[in-house]
Amino acid sequence: MRVAILTLSDSGYAGVRENKSGPAIRKLVEAAGYRVVYTALLPDGMEPLASELKRLCDGDIADLILTTGGTGFSPTDLTPEATRSVTERPAPGIAEAMRYRSLQITPRAMLSRAAAGIRKRTLIVNLPGSPKAVRECLEYALPALGHGLEILRETAHNCAR
């Protein structure tokens, strides 16, 4: 499966802060057998992300798009809104499961506004901005995501649970 990784960070985009979450995602998905086909570092906000998500989905460039950052309470944290604005079908169980897992580690997980959804035949999943939280969420969700992607892409051999 092809993966695109989009990091949302004004300070990272400006070159002030090193992007550590994107590389953490890459390491995890490649270890799980996924192929990273695209990475980008974008500023926070609706339009840059919404445009990039549409381009990647509509062009069938990736089967899975993982975003990192922009899921908190800051006024510029608009990743969930951008994701919801372009998805055709929500997949709320993914974000709910990641929050459930994270709540076992820290009560601050309840502050995550992450979303997930489907556009065309691409699954979009928002991840937190911290490398530690990215690892915790992705390690938990990745096994189930693989099966979901097989169903979405109609490559599943057995759709039974």
Foldseek 3Di string as FASTA:
>chain_A
DEEEEEEEAQCVVVVNDPQPQRVLVVVVVVVVPYHYQYYYYHYFDQPVVLVVVCCCQVVVVGQEYEYEALFADPPRSCVQVNQVVQAPFWDAVLLVVLLVQVCVVPVCSVRGRWTWHHDQNHIYTYFYHDNVSSCSSCVRRVVVVVLVSCVSVVNDPDNDD
